[in-house]
C-alpha atoms as a PDB file:
ATOM      1  CA  MET A   1     109.440 125.937 121.040  1.00  0.00           C
ATOM      2  CA  ASN A   2     107.161 125.182 123.991  1.00  0.00           C
ATOM      3  CA  MET A   3     105.562 121.821 123.254  1.00  0.00           C
ATOM      4  CA  ASN A   4     104.231 119.233 125.644  1.00  0.00           C
ATOM      5  CA  ASN A   5     105.805 115.829 126.038  1.00  0.00           C
ATOM      6  CA  CYS A   6     103.241 114.170 123.763  1.00  0.00           C
ATOM      7  CA  ILE A   7     104.715 115.820 120.670  1.00  0.00           C
ATOM      8  CA  LYS A   8     107.514 113.672 119.287  1.00  0.00           C
ATOM      9  CA  ILE A   9     108.350 115.642 116.118  1.00  0.00           C
ATOM     10  CA  ALA A  10     110.493 118.754 115.814  1.00  0.00           C
ATOM     11  CA  LEU A  11     111.254 121.102 112.943  1.00  0.00           C
ATOM     12  CA  SER A  12     114.530 119.225 112.452  1.00  0.00           C
ATOM     13  CA  ASP A  13     112.580 116.037 111.652  1.00  0.00           C
ATOM     14  CA  ILE A  14     110.504 117.894 109.095  1.00  0.00           C
ATOM     15  CA  ARG A  15     113.596 119.402 107.470  1.00  0.00           C
ATOM     16  CA  LYS A  16     115.150 115.912 107.253  1.00  0.00           C
ATOM     17  CA  ALA A  17     111.956 114.649 105.655  1.00  0.00           C
ATOM     18  CA  HIS A  18     112.110 117.490 103.140  1.00  0.00           C
ATOM     19  CA  GLU A  19     115.680 116.600 102.185  1.00  0.00           C
ATOM     20  CA  LYS A  20     114.651 112.972 101.763  1.00  0.00           C
ATOM     21  CA  ILE A  21     111.619 113.522  99.556  1.00  0.00           C
ATOM     22  CA  THR A  22     112.714 116.608  97.579  1.00  0.00           C
ATOM     23  CA  PRO A  23     114.299 114.625  94.705  1.00  0.00           C
ATOM     24  CA  HIS A  24     110.959 112.934  94.029  1.00  0.00           C
ATOM     25  CA  ILE A  25     108.237 115.542  94.636  1.00  0.00           C
ATOM     26  CA  HIS A  26     107.247 118.920  93.218  1.00  0.00           C
ATOM     27  CA  PHE A  27     108.122 122.160  94.985  1.00  0.00           C
ATOM     28  CA  THR A  28     104.585 123.365  94.409  1.00  0.00           C
ATOM     29  CA  PRO A  29     103.933 127.001  93.464  1.00  0.00           C
ATOM     30  CA  TYR A  30     101.539 129.395  95.114  1.00  0.00           C
ATOM     31  CA  PHE A  31      98.869 131.376  93.309  1.00  0.00           C
ATOM     32  CA  ARG A  32      97.009 134.596  93.986  1.00  0.00           C
ATOM     33  CA  SER A  33      93.732 136.136  92.825  1.00  0.00           C
ATOM     34  CA  SER A  34      93.374 139.922  92.833  1.00  0.00           C
ATOM     35  CA  THR A  35      89.615 139.436  92.540  1.00  0.00           C
ATOM     36  CA  LEU A  36      89.526 137.400  95.735  1.00  0.00           C
ATOM     37  CA  ASP A  37      91.889 139.773  97.558  1.00  0.00           C
ATOM     38  CA  LEU A  38      89.496 142.653  96.856  1.00  0.00           C
ATOM     39  CA  ARG A  39      86.508 140.565  97.850  1.00  0.00           C
ATOM     40  CA  VAL A  40      87.867 139.481 101.251  1.00  0.00           C
ATOM     41  CA  GLY A  41      89.988 142.549 101.990  1.00  0.00           C
ATOM     42  CA  ARG A  42      93.146 140.523 102.639  1.00  0.00           C
ATOM     43  CA  ASN A  43      96.083 139.122 100.710  1.00  0.00           C
ATOM     44  CA  VAL A  44      95.435 135.446 100.016  1.00  0.00           C
ATOM     45  CA  PHE A  45      98.126 132.998  98.941  1.00  0.00           C
ATOM     46  CA  PHE A  46      97.146 129.536  97.675  1.00  0.00           C
ATOM     47  CA  LYS A  47      99.726 126.747  98.037  1.00  0.00           C
ATOM     48  CA  ALA A  48      98.923 124.479  95.101  1.00  0.00           C
ATOM     49  CA  GLU A  49      99.273 120.945  96.435  1.00  0.00           C
ATOM     50  CA  ASN A  50      96.656 119.993  93.851  1.00  0.00           C
ATOM     51  CA  LEU A  51      99.650 120.093  91.469  1.00  0.00           C
ATOM     52  CA  GLN A  52     101.709 117.742  93.659  1.00  0.00           C
ATOM     53  CA  LYS A  53     102.644 114.202  92.607  1.00  0.00           C
ATOM     54  CA  THR A  54      99.495 111.996  92.604  1.00  0.00           C
ATOM     55  CA  GLY A  55      97.375 115.159  92.746  1.00  0.00           C
ATOM     56  CA  SER A  56      97.521 115.856  96.474  1.00  0.00           C
ATOM     57  CA  PHE A  57      99.735 116.719  99.445  1.00  0.00           C
ATOM     58  CA  LYS A  58      99.522 113.085 100.574  1.00  0.00           C
ATOM     59  CA  ALA A  59     102.521 112.196  98.388  1.00  0.00           C
ATOM     60  CA  ARG A  60     104.801 113.966 100.868  1.00  0.00           C
ATOM     61  CA  GLY A  61     103.892 111.974 103.960  1.00  0.00           C
ATOM     62  CA  ALA A  62     103.547 108.656 102.181  1.00  0.00           C
ATOM     63  CA  LEU A  63     106.955 108.929 100.534  1.00  0.00           C
ATOM     64  CA  ASN A  64     108.693 109.988 103.736  1.00  0.00           C
ATOM     65  CA  ALA A  65     107.126 107.025 105.548  1.00  0.00           C
ATOM     66  CA  VAL A  66     108.083 104.474 102.883  1.00  0.00           C
ATOM     67  CA  LEU A  67     111.644 105.768 102.437  1.00  0.00           C
ATOM     68  CA  SER A  68     112.138 105.828 106.213  1.00  0.00           C
ATOM     69  CA  LEU A  69     110.743 102.301 106.528  1.00  0.00           C
ATOM     70  CA  LYS A  70     112.980 100.960 103.775  1.00  0.00           C
ATOM     71  CA  ALA A  71     116.036 102.649 105.302  1.00  0.00           C
ATOM     72  CA  SER A  72     115.370 100.939 108.641  1.00  0.00           C
ATOM     73  CA  ASN A  73     114.278  97.625 107.106  1.00  0.00           C
ATOM     74  CA  PRO A  74     115.641  97.041 103.581  1.00  0.00           C
ATOM     75  CA  ASP A  75     113.873  93.655 103.409  1.00  0.00           C
ATOM     76  CA  VAL A  76     110.384  95.014 104.114  1.00  0.00           C
ATOM     77  CA  HIS A  77     107.775  92.770 102.439  1.00  0.00           C
ATOM     78  CA  GLY A  78     105.430  95.582 101.510  1.00  0.00           C
ATOM     79  CA  VAL A  79     103.108  98.285 102.797  1.00  0.00           C
ATOM     80  CA  VAL A  80      99.358  98.514 103.240  1.00  0.00           C
ATOM     81  CA  THR A  81      96.947 101.262 104.168  1.00  0.00           C
ATOM     82  CA  HIS A  82      93.280 102.187 104.189  1.00  0.00           C
ATOM     83  CA  SER A  83      92.250 105.307 102.312  1.00  0.00           C
ATOM     84  CA  SER A  84      89.342 107.133 100.735  1.00  0.00           C
ATOM     85  CA  GLY A  85      91.608 107.659  97.764  1.00  0.00           C
ATOM     86  CA  ASN A  86      94.336 110.289  98.018  1.00  0.00           C
ATOM     87  CA  HIS A  87      96.514 108.568 100.606  1.00  0.00           C
ATOM     88  CA  GLY A  88      96.006 105.316  98.738  1.00  0.00           C
ATOM     89  CA  GLN A  89      97.254 106.886  95.522  1.00  0.00           C
ATOM     90  CA  ALA A  90     100.133 108.486  97.372  1.00  0.00           C
ATOM     91  CA  LEU A  91     101.228 105.269  99.071  1.00  0.00           C
ATOM     92  CA  ALA A  92     100.930 103.317  95.817  1.00  0.00           C
ATOM     93  CA  TRP A  93     103.139 105.900  94.095  1.00  0.00           C
ATOM     94  CA  ALA A  94     105.581 106.055  96.991  1.00  0.00           C
ATOM     95  CA  ALA A  95     105.890 102.275  97.141  1.00  0.00           C
ATOM     96  CA  LYS A  96     106.493 102.108  93.399  1.00  0.00           C
ATOM     97  CA  THR A  97     109.110 104.857  93.698  1.00  0.00           C
ATOM     98  CA  ALA A  98     110.875 102.943  96.475  1.00  0.00           C
ATOM     99  CA  GLY A  99     110.481  99.506  94.868  1.00  0.00           C
ATOM    100  CA  VAL A 100     108.127  98.138  97.545  1.00  0.00           C
ATOM    101  CA  LYS A 101     104.900  96.117  97.151  1.00  0.00           C
ATOM    102  CA  CYS A 102     101.676  97.823  98.162  1.00  0.00           C
ATOM    103  CA  SER A 103      98.050  96.983  98.958  1.00  0.00           C
ATOM    104  CA  VAL A 104      95.381  99.617  99.544  1.00  0.00           C
ATOM    105  CA  VAL A 105      92.101  99.032 101.378  1.00  0.00           C
ATOM    106  CA  VAL A 106      89.451 101.211  99.738  1.00  0.00           C
ATOM    107  CA  PRO A 107      85.807 101.828 100.757  1.00  0.00           C
ATOM    108  CA  ASN A 108      83.473 100.359  98.178  1.00  0.00           C
ATOM    109  CA  ASN A 109      81.937 103.806  97.568  1.00  0.00           C
ATOM    110  CA  SER A 110      85.194 105.636  96.761  1.00  0.00           C
ATOM    111  CA  PRO A 111      85.276 107.785  93.605  1.00  0.00           C
ATOM    112  CA  LYS A 112      86.238 105.624  90.629  1.00  0.00           C
ATOM    113  CA  ILE A 113      88.840 108.155  89.509  1.00  0.00           C
ATOM    114  CA  LYS A 114      90.774 107.600  92.752  1.00  0.00           C
ATOM    115  CA  SER A 115      90.494 103.800  92.714  1.00  0.00           C
ATOM    116  CA  ASP A 116      91.642 103.664  89.091  1.00  0.00           C
ATOM    117  CA  ALA A 117      94.610 105.875  89.931  1.00  0.00           C
ATOM    118  CA  ILE A 118      95.682 103.545  92.753  1.00  0.00           C
ATOM    119  CA  LEU A 119      95.659 100.632  90.310  1.00  0.00           C
ATOM    120  CA  GLY A 120      97.564 102.752  87.816  1.00  0.00           C
ATOM    121  CA  TYR A 121     100.412 103.164  90.283  1.00  0.00           C
ATOM    122  CA  GLY A 122     100.697  99.388  90.544  1.00  0.00           C
ATOM    123  CA  ALA A 123      99.072  98.696  93.909  1.00  0.00           C
ATOM    124  CA  GLU A 124      96.572  95.967  94.753  1.00  0.00           C
ATOM    125  CA  LEU A 125      93.057  97.118  95.695  1.00  0.00           C
ATOM    126  CA  VAL A 126      91.137  95.500  98.556  1.00  0.00           C
ATOM    127  CA  PHE A 127      87.566  96.730  99.002  1.00  0.00           C
ATOM    128  CA  CYS A 128      85.770  97.107 102.326  1.00  0.00           C
ATOM    129  CA  GLU A 129      82.619  98.595 103.829  1.00  0.00           C
ATOM    130  CA  PRO A 130      82.657 102.423 104.064  1.00  0.00           C
ATOM    131  CA  THR A 131      83.085 102.646 107.834  1.00  0.00           C
ATOM    132  CA  PRO A 132      86.224 103.534 109.813  1.00  0.00           C
ATOM    133  CA  ALA A 133      85.982 100.267 111.778  1.00  0.00           C
ATOM    134  CA  ASP A 134      85.810  98.018 108.701  1.00  0.00           C
ATOM    135  CA  ARG A 135      88.583  99.928 106.957  1.00  0.00           C
ATOM    136  CA  GLN A 136      90.886  99.344 109.905  1.00  0.00           C
ATOM    137  CA  ALA A 137      89.870  95.700 110.349  1.00  0.00           C
ATOM    138  CA  THR A 138      90.465  94.920 106.676  1.00  0.00           C
ATOM    139  CA  CYS A 139      93.810  96.722 106.740  1.00  0.00           C
ATOM    140  CA  ASP A 140      94.870  94.712 109.811  1.00  0.00           C
ATOM    141  CA  ARG A 141      93.885  91.467 108.097  1.00  0.00           C
ATOM    142  CA  VAL A 142      95.894  92.221 104.952  1.00  0.00           C
ATOM    143  CA  SER A 143      98.873  93.249 107.057  1.00  0.00           C
ATOM    144  CA  LYS A 144      98.783  89.982 108.981  1.00  0.00           C
ATOM    145  CA  GLU A 145      98.213  87.746 105.956  1.00  0.00           C
ATOM    146  CA  ARG A 146     100.934  89.308 103.792  1.00  0.00           C
ATOM    147  CA  ASN A 147     103.331  90.553 106.469  1.00  0.00           C
ATOM    148  CA  PHE A 148     102.954  94.100 105.143  1.00  0.00           C
ATOM    149  CA  THR A 149     103.677  97.164 107.268  1.00  0.00           C
ATOM    150  CA  ILE A 150     100.695  99.449 107.854  1.00  0.00           C
ATOM    151  CA  VAL A 151     101.237 103.081 106.846  1.00  0.00           C
ATOM    152  CA  PRO A 152      98.207 105.008 108.188  1.00  0.00           C
ATOM    153  CA  PRO A 153      96.812 108.041 106.346  1.00  0.00           C
ATOM    154  CA  TYR A 154      97.637 110.490 109.157  1.00  0.00           C
ATOM    155  CA  ASP A 155      98.385 108.919 112.560  1.00  0.00           C
ATOM    156  CA  HIS A 156     102.075 108.193 111.916  1.00  0.00           C
ATOM    157  CA  TYR A 157     105.041 110.381 112.806  1.00  0.00           C
ATOM    158  CA  ASP A 158     106.835 109.923 109.467  1.00  0.00           C
ATOM    159  CA  VAL A 159     103.613 110.829 107.635  1.00  0.00           C
ATOM    160  CA  ILE A 160     103.143 113.907 109.819  1.00  0.00           C
ATOM    161  CA  ALA A 161     106.752 114.987 109.226  1.00  0.00           C
ATOM    162  CA  GLY A 162     106.304 114.605 105.480  1.00  0.00           C
ATOM    163  CA  GLN A 163     103.167 116.731 105.469  1.00  0.00           C
ATOM    164  CA  GLY A 164     104.962 119.385 107.508  1.00  0.00           C
ATOM    165  CA  THR A 165     107.271 120.024 104.554  1.00  0.00           C
ATOM    166  CA  ILE A 166     104.423 122.037 103.026  1.00  0.00           C
ATOM    167  CA  ALA A 167     104.975 124.750 105.638  1.00  0.00           C
ATOM    168  CA  VAL A 168     108.755 124.707 105.156  1.00  0.00           C
ATOM    169  CA  GLU A 169     108.212 125.531 101.491  1.00  0.00           C
ATOM    170  CA  PHE A 170     105.292 127.910 101.966  1.00  0.00           C
ATOM    171  CA  LEU A 171     107.056 130.096 104.542  1.00  0.00           C
ATOM    172  CA  LYS A 172     110.117 130.223 102.295  1.00  0.00           C
ATOM    173  CA  GLN A 173     107.911 131.395  99.434  1.00  0.00           C
ATOM    174  CA  VAL A 174     105.810 133.808 101.532  1.00  0.00           C
ATOM    175  CA  PRO A 175     107.702 134.640 104.767  1.00  0.00           C
ATOM    176  CA  ASP A 176     105.150 137.229 105.878  1.00  0.00           C
ATOM    177  CA  LEU A 177     102.165 134.910 106.260  1.00  0.00           C
ATOM    178  CA  ASP A 178     100.029 135.783 109.271  1.00  0.00           C
ATOM    179  CA  ALA A 179      97.870 132.657 109.187  1.00  0.00           C
ATOM    180  CA  ILE A 180      97.487 129.394 107.277  1.00  0.00           C
ATOM    181  CA  LEU A 181      94.069 127.836 106.688  1.00  0.00           C
ATOM    182  CA  VAL A 182      94.315 124.053 106.483  1.00  0.00           C
ATOM    183  CA  PRO A 183      91.478 121.618 105.663  1.00  0.00           C
ATOM    184  CA  VAL A 184      91.404 119.021 108.438  1.00  0.00           C
ATOM    185  CA  SER A 185      90.204 115.444 108.710  1.00  0.00           C
ATOM    186  CA  GLY A 186      92.491 113.066 110.603  1.00  0.00           C
ATOM    187  CA  GLY A 187      94.936 115.903 111.200  1.00  0.00           C
ATOM    188  CA  GLY A 188      98.206 114.717 109.640  1.00  0.00           C
ATOM    189  CA  MET A 189      98.671 117.754 107.420  1.00  0.00           C
ATOM    190  CA  THR A 190      97.467 120.199 110.063  1.00  0.00           C
ATOM    191  CA  SER A 191      99.812 118.698 112.677  1.00  0.00           C
ATOM    192  CA  GLY A 192     102.861 118.780 110.429  1.00  0.00           C
ATOM    193  CA  ILE A 193     102.181 122.307 109.224  1.00  0.00           C
ATOM    194  CA  ALA A 194     101.589 123.510 112.797  1.00  0.00           C
ATOM    195  CA  ILE A 195     104.899 122.077 114.041  1.00  0.00           C
ATOM    196  CA  ALA A 196     106.912 123.592 111.199  1.00  0.00           C
ATOM    197  CA  ALA A 197     105.080 126.915 111.023  1.00  0.00           C
ATOM    198  CA  LYS A 198     105.166 127.583 114.770  1.00  0.00           C
ATOM    199  CA  ALA A 199     108.884 126.787 114.860  1.00  0.00           C
ATOM    200  CA  ILE A 200     109.742 128.973 111.868  1.00  0.00           C
ATOM    201  CA  LYS A 201     107.341 131.803 112.759  1.00  0.00           C
ATOM    202  CA  PRO A 202     106.039 131.487 116.353  1.00  0.00           C
ATOM    203  CA  ASP A 203     103.378 134.193 115.995  1.00  0.00           C
ATOM    204  CA  ILE A 204     101.700 132.597 112.978  1.00  0.00           C
ATOM    205  CA  LYS A 205      98.153 131.338 113.398  1.00  0.00           C
ATOM    206  CA  GLY A 206      96.574 128.204 112.055  1.00  0.00           C
ATOM    207  CA  GLU A 207      93.032 127.887 112.092  1.00  0.00           C
ATOM    208  CA  ARG A 208      89.337 115.850 118.865  1.00  0.00           C
ATOM    209  CA  LEU A 209      86.351 117.071 120.288  1.00  0.00           C
ATOM    210  CA  TRP A 210      84.157 114.175 119.140  1.00  0.00           C
ATOM    211  CA  PRO A 211      83.514 110.901 120.969  1.00  0.00           C
ATOM    212  CA  ASN A 212      84.438 107.400 119.882  1.00  0.00           C
ATOM    213  CA  PRO A 213      83.834 105.652 117.636  1.00  0.00           C
ATOM    214  CA  PRO A 214      84.917 108.005 114.831  1.00  0.00           C
ATOM    215  CA  ARG A 215      82.451 108.365 111.999  1.00  0.00           C
ATOM    216  CA  PHE A 216      82.262 109.844 108.526  1.00  0.00           C
ATOM    217  CA  LEU A 217      80.443 113.113 107.908  1.00  0.00           C
ATOM    218  CA  ASN A 218      77.946 113.381 105.067  1.00  0.00           C
ATOM    219  CA  THR A 219      79.762 115.802 102.765  1.00  0.00           C
ATOM    220  CA  ILE A 220      80.890 116.118  99.172  1.00  0.00           C
ATOM    221  CA  ALA A 221      84.418 116.665 100.517  1.00  0.00           C
ATOM    222  CA  ASP A 222      85.215 112.956 100.714  1.00  0.00           C
ATOM    223  CA  GLY A 223      88.879 113.657 101.438  1.00  0.00           C
ATOM    224  CA  ILE A 224      88.099 115.327 104.785  1.00  0.00           C
ATOM    225  CA  ARG A 225      84.964 113.560 105.970  1.00  0.00           C
ATOM    226  CA  LEU A 226      86.458 111.766 108.987  1.00  0.00           C
ATOM    227  CA  GLN A 227      85.024 113.440 112.083  1.00  0.00           C
ATOM    228  CA  GLN A 228      87.793 112.639 114.578  1.00  0.00           C
ATOM    229  CA  LEU A 229      91.473 113.514 114.810  1.00  0.00           C
ATOM    230  CA  GLY A 230      94.048 110.782 115.399  1.00  0.00           C
ATOM    231  CA  ASP A 231      95.696 109.723 118.634  1.00  0.00           C
ATOM    232  CA  LEU A 232      99.034 111.216 117.527  1.00  0.00           C
ATOM    233  CA  THR A 233      97.689 114.264 115.722  1.00  0.00           C
ATOM    234  CA  TRP A 234      95.269 115.380 118.443  1.00  0.00           C
ATOM    235  CA  PRO A 235      97.832 116.450 121.090  1.00  0.00           C
ATOM    236  CA  ILE A 236      99.853 118.301 118.443  1.00  0.00           C
ATOM    237  CA  ILE A 237      96.813 120.206 117.205  1.00  0.00           C
ATOM    238  CA  LEU A 238      95.633 120.879 120.761  1.00  0.00           C
ATOM    239  CA  GLU A 239      99.011 122.376 121.662  1.00  0.00           C
ATOM    240  CA  LEU A 240      99.917 124.307 118.527  1.00  0.00           C
ATOM    241  CA  VAL A 241      96.877 125.127 116.408  1.00  0.00           C
ATOM    242  CA  GLU A 242      94.685 128.167 117.008  1.00  0.00           C
ATOM    243  CA  LYS A 243      91.325 127.339 118.535  1.00  0.00           C
ATOM    244  CA  ASP A 244      89.267 129.010 115.773  1.00  0.00           C
ATOM    245  CA  VAL A 245      87.701 126.282 113.630  1.00  0.00           C
ATOM    246  CA  PHE A 246      85.855 127.120 110.416  1.00  0.00           C
ATOM    247  CA  SER A 247      82.853 124.961 109.516  1.00  0.00           C
ATOM    248  CA  VAL A 248      81.642 125.240 105.937  1.00  0.00           C
ATOM    249  CA  LYS A 249      78.611 123.798 104.163  1.00  0.00           C
ATOM    250  CA  ASP A 250      78.605 121.813 100.942  1.00  0.00           C
ATOM    251  CA  ASP A 251      77.013 124.737  99.089  1.00  0.00           C
ATOM    252  CA  ASP A 252      79.873 126.986 100.198  1.00  0.00           C
ATOM    253  CA  ILE A 253      82.419 124.390  99.085  1.00  0.00           C
ATOM    254  CA  VAL A 254      80.812 124.153  95.650  1.00  0.00           C
ATOM    255  CA  LYS A 255      80.813 127.944  95.235  1.00  0.00           C
ATOM    256  CA  ALA A 256      84.464 128.096  96.274  1.00  0.00           C
ATOM    257  CA  MET A 257      85.441 125.301  93.892  1.00  0.00           C
ATOM    258  CA  ARG A 258      83.667 127.008  91.033  1.00  0.00           C
ATOM    259  CA  PHE A 259      85.427 130.281  91.782  1.00  0.00           C
ATOM    260  CA  VAL A 260      88.842 128.578  91.635  1.00  0.00           C
ATOM    261  CA  PHE A 261      87.941 126.716  88.421  1.00  0.00           C
ATOM    262  CA  GLU A 262      86.591 129.795  86.659  1.00  0.00           C
ATOM    263  CA  ARG A 263      88.792 132.614  87.958  1.00  0.00           C
ATOM    264  CA  MET A 264      92.088 130.895  88.816  1.00  0.00           C
ATOM    265  CA  LYS A 265      91.937 128.140  86.170  1.00  0.00           C
ATOM    266  CA  LEU A 266      92.943 125.478  88.691  1.00  0.00           C
ATOM    267  CA  VAL A 267      91.391 122.044  89.158  1.00  0.00           C
ATOM    268  CA  ILE A 268      90.659 121.365  92.820  1.00  0.00           C
ATOM    269  CA  GLU A 269      88.663 118.746  94.711  1.00  0.00           C
ATOM    270  CA  PRO A 270      86.014 119.520  97.348  1.00  0.00           C
ATOM    271  CA  ALA A 271      88.470 119.168 100.250  1.00  0.00           C
ATOM    272  CA  SER A 272      90.471 122.026  98.747  1.00  0.00           C
ATOM    273  CA  GLY A 273      87.253 123.941  98.255  1.00  0.00           C
ATOM    274  CA  ALA A 274      86.678 123.811 102.008  1.00  0.00           C
ATOM    275  CA  GLY A 275      89.768 125.944 102.618  1.00  0.00           C
ATOM    276  CA  VAL A 276      88.759 128.401  99.922  1.00  0.00           C
ATOM    277  CA  ALA A 277      85.245 128.590 101.376  1.00  0.00           C
ATOM    278  CA  ALA A 278      86.736 129.389 104.787  1.00  0.00           C
ATOM    279  CA  VAL A 279      88.729 132.326 103.453  1.00  0.00           C
ATOM    280  CA  MET A 280      85.589 133.600 101.693  1.00  0.00           C
ATOM    281  CA  SER A 281      83.423 133.214 104.796  1.00  0.00           C
ATOM    282  CA  GLU A 282      81.806 135.895 106.930  1.00  0.00           C
ATOM    283  CA  ARG A 283      83.597 134.443 109.915  1.00  0.00           C
ATOM    284  CA  LEU A 284      87.013 135.295 108.499  1.00  0.00           C
ATOM    285  CA  ALA A 285      85.716 138.732 107.514  1.00  0.00           C
ATOM    286  CA  SER A 286      84.837 139.381 111.162  1.00  0.00           C
ATOM    287  CA  MET A 287      88.268 138.356 112.475  1.00  0.00           C
ATOM    288  CA  ASP A 288      91.288 140.506 113.357  1.00  0.00           C
ATOM    289  CA  PRO A 289      91.991 142.850 110.411  1.00  0.00           C
ATOM    290  CA  GLY A 290      95.663 142.579 111.358  1.00  0.00           C
ATOM    291  CA  LEU A 291      95.670 139.144 109.748  1.00  0.00           C
ATOM    292  CA  ARG A 292      96.604 140.583 106.369  1.00  0.00           C
ATOM    293  CA  ASN A 293      98.421 137.742 104.652  1.00  0.00           C
ATOM    294  CA  ILE A 294      96.453 134.482 104.651  1.00  0.00           C
ATOM    295  CA  GLY A 295      97.794 131.216 103.309  1.00  0.00           C
ATOM    296  CA  VAL A 296      95.391 128.535 102.092  1.00  0.00           C
ATOM    297  CA  ILE A 297      96.390 124.962 101.292  1.00  0.00           C
ATOM    298  CA  LEU A 298      94.809 123.647  98.102  1.00  0.00           C
ATOM    299  CA  CYS A 299      95.265 120.115  99.369  1.00  0.00           C
ATOM    300  CA  GLY A 300      94.259 118.138  96.285  1.00  0.00           C
ATOM    301  CA  GLY A 301      92.887 118.140  92.762  1.00  0.00           C
ATOM    302  CA  ASN A 302      91.589 114.598  92.328  1.00  0.00           C
ATOM    303  CA  VAL A 303      88.050 115.358  91.224  1.00  0.00           C
ATOM    304  CA  ASP A 304      85.962 113.413  88.734  1.00  0.00           C
ATOM    305  CA  ILE A 305      85.569 115.937  85.925  1.00  0.00           C
ATOM    306  CA  ASP A 306      82.603 113.956  84.558  1.00  0.00           C
ATOM    307  CA  HIS A 307      80.717 114.574  87.805  1.00  0.00           C
ATOM    308  CA  LEU A 308      81.531 118.103  88.932  1.00  0.00           C
ATOM    309  CA  PRO A 309      79.250 119.164  91.806  1.00  0.00           C
ATOM    310  CA  TRP A 310      77.667 122.083  89.966  1.00  0.00           C
ATOM    311  CA  CYS A 311      76.753 120.048  86.866  1.00  0.00           C
END
């Protein structure tokens, strides 16, 4: 595999991560919709990470990071992170699974369903202002005060390796995938999937250009609203991911979510809806018709059912 020197993870690291976390996570299924296949003129395969432990793919990376940390430092005092919700839930669950204390820094405008879930997994909640800078500052303070190790949501090699296990499973389930559409925010899942997918199937396609400081986009997809990729994820994505980027509007996300709810009977959150909206878009329709088999990652299902976006 031709990767530049900035990329520190190989397929072997992702396979090791998969062996480590497999006893604790779900081997998530994939789903299809004949209605959607006819509509878009391609074969679409949905990897259902909305059915993963804690309701999102984040469980994979968080657990790999915590288990790796505990293996290297059995006396670790605890872990801390900042999260809009899904990584916080995942780290809380992973820490509980590994018998490690956990604190999660949460923006004060996070969906209540996600904050309550973090508490339910036994972690401590620390609230902060809803800006990337304050999230990081608060996380650093908690880490220093309690001697907890920071486990970032995406910019961490063990997290990236854990997320890459999605592709290991998906390409075992559907070996003939021509492309994988991945919702992207900080880039941990996209980086891990790109490393694994390009190593397993070099011709597969996967579909940090913004200045500092990073900011949040105004979107209903709270799980993917960060505008900038991470320092570790950026060079991986630059090297391995196809340069076609799909931008979707909130209205498109809502329509895609509703389609999945009504036709596929699956509960997904707006971040998952972004991937579905991309596969339903005119842009994909105008792309190479040779891309017959399209994988889409349904990255999470943690949506507040009392406040669905079309109600």
